[in-house]
């Protein structure tokens, strides 16, 4: 499978400025409403969420996950492929 970050996301969720646990909670709610096979892009600037809780959640669900830290903007772009 090609890197998820190179694919066009189905939806974009902006949780910039939110602190734990809100990025994970909002990501879960968004994914529950999305169909299987869709790609969610999450914009997140909370390190604990971007590097720990959201990736662990995606892994636990067995979904594809990819992330990139956008250094010049100080946030991460997280890609979750719901299966």
C-alpha atoms as a PDB file:
ATOM      1  CA  UNK A   1       0.000   0.000   0.000  1.00  0.00           C
ATOM      2  CA  UNK A   2       1.271   3.469  -0.851  1.00  0.00           C
ATOM      3  CA  UNK A   3       1.924   5.847   2.007  1.00  0.00           C
ATOM      4  CA  UNK A   4      -1.360   7.132   3.359  1.00  0.00           C
ATOM      5  CA  UNK A   5      -0.054  10.694   3.369  1.00  0.00           C
ATOM      6  CA  UNK A   6       0.163  10.595  -0.428  1.00  0.00           C
ATOM      7  CA  UNK A   7      -3.563   9.800  -0.754  1.00  0.00           C
ATOM      8  CA  UNK A   8      -6.417  12.285  -0.835  1.00  0.00           C
ATOM      9  CA  UNK A   9      -8.211  12.208   2.560  1.00  0.00           C
ATOM     10  CA  UNK A  10     -11.961  11.613   2.655  1.00  0.00           C
ATOM     11  CA  UNK A  11     -12.301  13.940   5.664  1.00  0.00           C
ATOM     12  CA  UNK A  12     -10.072  16.364   7.587  1.00  0.00           C
ATOM     13  CA  UNK A  13     -10.378  16.854  11.343  1.00  0.00           C
ATOM     14  CA  UNK A  14      -8.719  19.905  12.917  1.00  0.00           C
ATOM     15  CA  UNK A  15      -7.973  19.436  16.622  1.00  0.00           C
ATOM     16  CA  UNK A  16      -5.260  22.103  16.791  1.00  0.00           C
ATOM     17  CA  UNK A  17      -5.163  23.807  20.185  1.00  0.00           C
ATOM     18  CA  UNK A  18      -6.957  20.912  21.914  1.00  0.00           C
ATOM     19  CA  UNK A  19      -5.230  19.063  24.742  1.00  0.00           C
ATOM     20  CA  UNK A  20      -5.546  15.438  25.817  1.00  0.00           C
ATOM     21  CA  UNK A  21      -7.888  13.666  25.816  1.00  0.00           C
ATOM     22  CA  UNK A  22      -9.907  15.766  23.334  1.00  0.00           C
ATOM     23  CA  UNK A  23      -7.909  15.007  20.154  1.00  0.00           C
ATOM     24  CA  UNK A  24      -8.417  11.266  20.685  1.00  0.00           C
ATOM     25  CA  UNK A  25     -12.079  11.632  21.699  1.00  0.00           C
ATOM     26  CA  UNK A  26     -12.890  13.796  18.665  1.00  0.00           C
ATOM     27  CA  UNK A  27     -10.932  11.452  16.355  1.00  0.00           C
ATOM     28  CA  UNK A  28     -12.876   8.429  17.642  1.00  0.00           C
ATOM     29  CA  UNK A  29     -16.218  10.227  17.161  1.00  0.00           C
ATOM     30  CA  UNK A  30     -15.298  11.237  13.622  1.00  0.00           C
ATOM     31  CA  UNK A  31     -14.141   7.733  12.661  1.00  0.00           C
ATOM     32  CA  UNK A  32     -17.341   6.161  14.041  1.00  0.00           C
ATOM     33  CA  UNK A  33     -19.308   8.189  11.481  1.00  0.00           C
ATOM     34  CA  UNK A  34     -17.014   7.302   8.571  1.00  0.00           C
ATOM     35  CA  UNK A  35     -17.384   4.311   6.269  1.00  0.00           C
ATOM     36  CA  UNK A  36     -14.923   1.473   5.970  1.00  0.00           C
ATOM     37  CA  UNK A  37     -12.164   2.196   3.462  1.00  0.00           C
ATOM     38  CA  UNK A  38     -12.167   5.955   4.057  1.00  0.00           C
ATOM     39  CA  UNK A  39      -9.150   8.051   5.016  1.00  0.00           C
ATOM     40  CA  UNK A  40      -9.164  10.608   7.826  1.00  0.00           C
ATOM     41  CA  UNK A  41      -6.511  13.313   8.083  1.00  0.00           C
ATOM     42  CA  UNK A  42      -6.143  14.752  11.605  1.00  0.00           C
ATOM     43  CA  UNK A  43      -4.313  18.019  12.263  1.00  0.00           C
ATOM     44  CA  UNK A  44      -2.969  17.819  15.822  1.00  0.00           C
ATOM     45  CA  UNK A  45      -0.482  19.839  17.888  1.00  0.00           C
ATOM     46  CA  UNK A  46      -0.731  17.841  21.139  1.00  0.00           C
ATOM     47  CA  UNK A  47       2.403  15.650  21.297  1.00  0.00           C
ATOM     48  CA  UNK A  48       0.871  13.012  23.603  1.00  0.00           C
ATOM     49  CA  UNK A  49      -2.076  12.559  21.245  1.00  0.00           C
ATOM     50  CA  UNK A  50      -0.081  12.666  18.005  1.00  0.00           C
ATOM     51  CA  UNK A  51       2.709  10.346  19.141  1.00  0.00           C
ATOM     52  CA  UNK A  52       0.915   8.043  21.565  1.00  0.00           C
ATOM     53  CA  UNK A  53      -2.849   7.828  22.055  1.00  0.00           C
ATOM     54  CA  UNK A  54      -4.101   8.266  18.470  1.00  0.00           C
ATOM     55  CA  UNK A  55      -1.521   5.897  16.888  1.00  0.00           C
ATOM     56  CA  UNK A  56      -2.219   3.285  19.600  1.00  0.00           C
ATOM     57  CA  UNK A  57      -5.961   3.574  19.011  1.00  0.00           C
ATOM     58  CA  UNK A  58      -5.556   3.088  15.242  1.00  0.00           C
ATOM     59  CA  UNK A  59      -3.263   0.098  15.811  1.00  0.00           C
ATOM     60  CA  UNK A  60      -5.684  -1.462  18.313  1.00  0.00           C
ATOM     61  CA  UNK A  61      -8.491  -1.168  15.747  1.00  0.00           C
ATOM     62  CA  UNK A  62      -6.261  -2.698  13.048  1.00  0.00           C
ATOM     63  CA  UNK A  63      -6.444   0.393  10.833  1.00  0.00           C
ATOM     64  CA  UNK A  64      -3.731   1.858   8.651  1.00  0.00           C
ATOM     65  CA  UNK A  65      -1.830   4.742  10.238  1.00  0.00           C
ATOM     66  CA  UNK A  66       0.735   7.224   8.992  1.00  0.00           C
ATOM     67  CA  UNK A  67       1.965  10.518  10.394  1.00  0.00           C
ATOM     68  CA  UNK A  68       4.191  13.383   9.459  1.00  0.00           C
ATOM     69  CA  UNK A  69       5.388  16.202  11.692  1.00  0.00           C
ATOM     70  CA  UNK A  70       5.107  19.547   9.939  1.00  0.00           C
ATOM     71  CA  UNK A  71       8.067  21.225  11.635  1.00  0.00           C
ATOM     72  CA  UNK A  72       7.526  24.716  10.243  1.00  0.00           C
ATOM     73  CA  UNK A  73       3.908  24.754  11.459  1.00  0.00           C
ATOM     74  CA  UNK A  74       4.490  22.939  14.751  1.00  0.00           C
ATOM     75  CA  UNK A  75       1.867  20.233  14.293  1.00  0.00           C
ATOM     76  CA  UNK A  76       1.370  16.714  13.020  1.00  0.00           C
ATOM     77  CA  UNK A  77      -0.704  15.427  10.156  1.00  0.00           C
ATOM     78  CA  UNK A  78      -2.081  12.026  11.131  1.00  0.00           C
ATOM     79  CA  UNK A  79      -3.616   9.730   8.532  1.00  0.00           C
ATOM     80  CA  UNK A  80      -5.954   6.935   9.578  1.00  0.00           C
ATOM     81  CA  UNK A  81      -7.324   4.494   7.004  1.00  0.00           C
ATOM     82  CA  UNK A  82     -10.457   2.885   8.406  1.00  0.00           C
ATOM     83  CA  UNK A  83     -10.853  -0.741   7.383  1.00  0.00           C
END
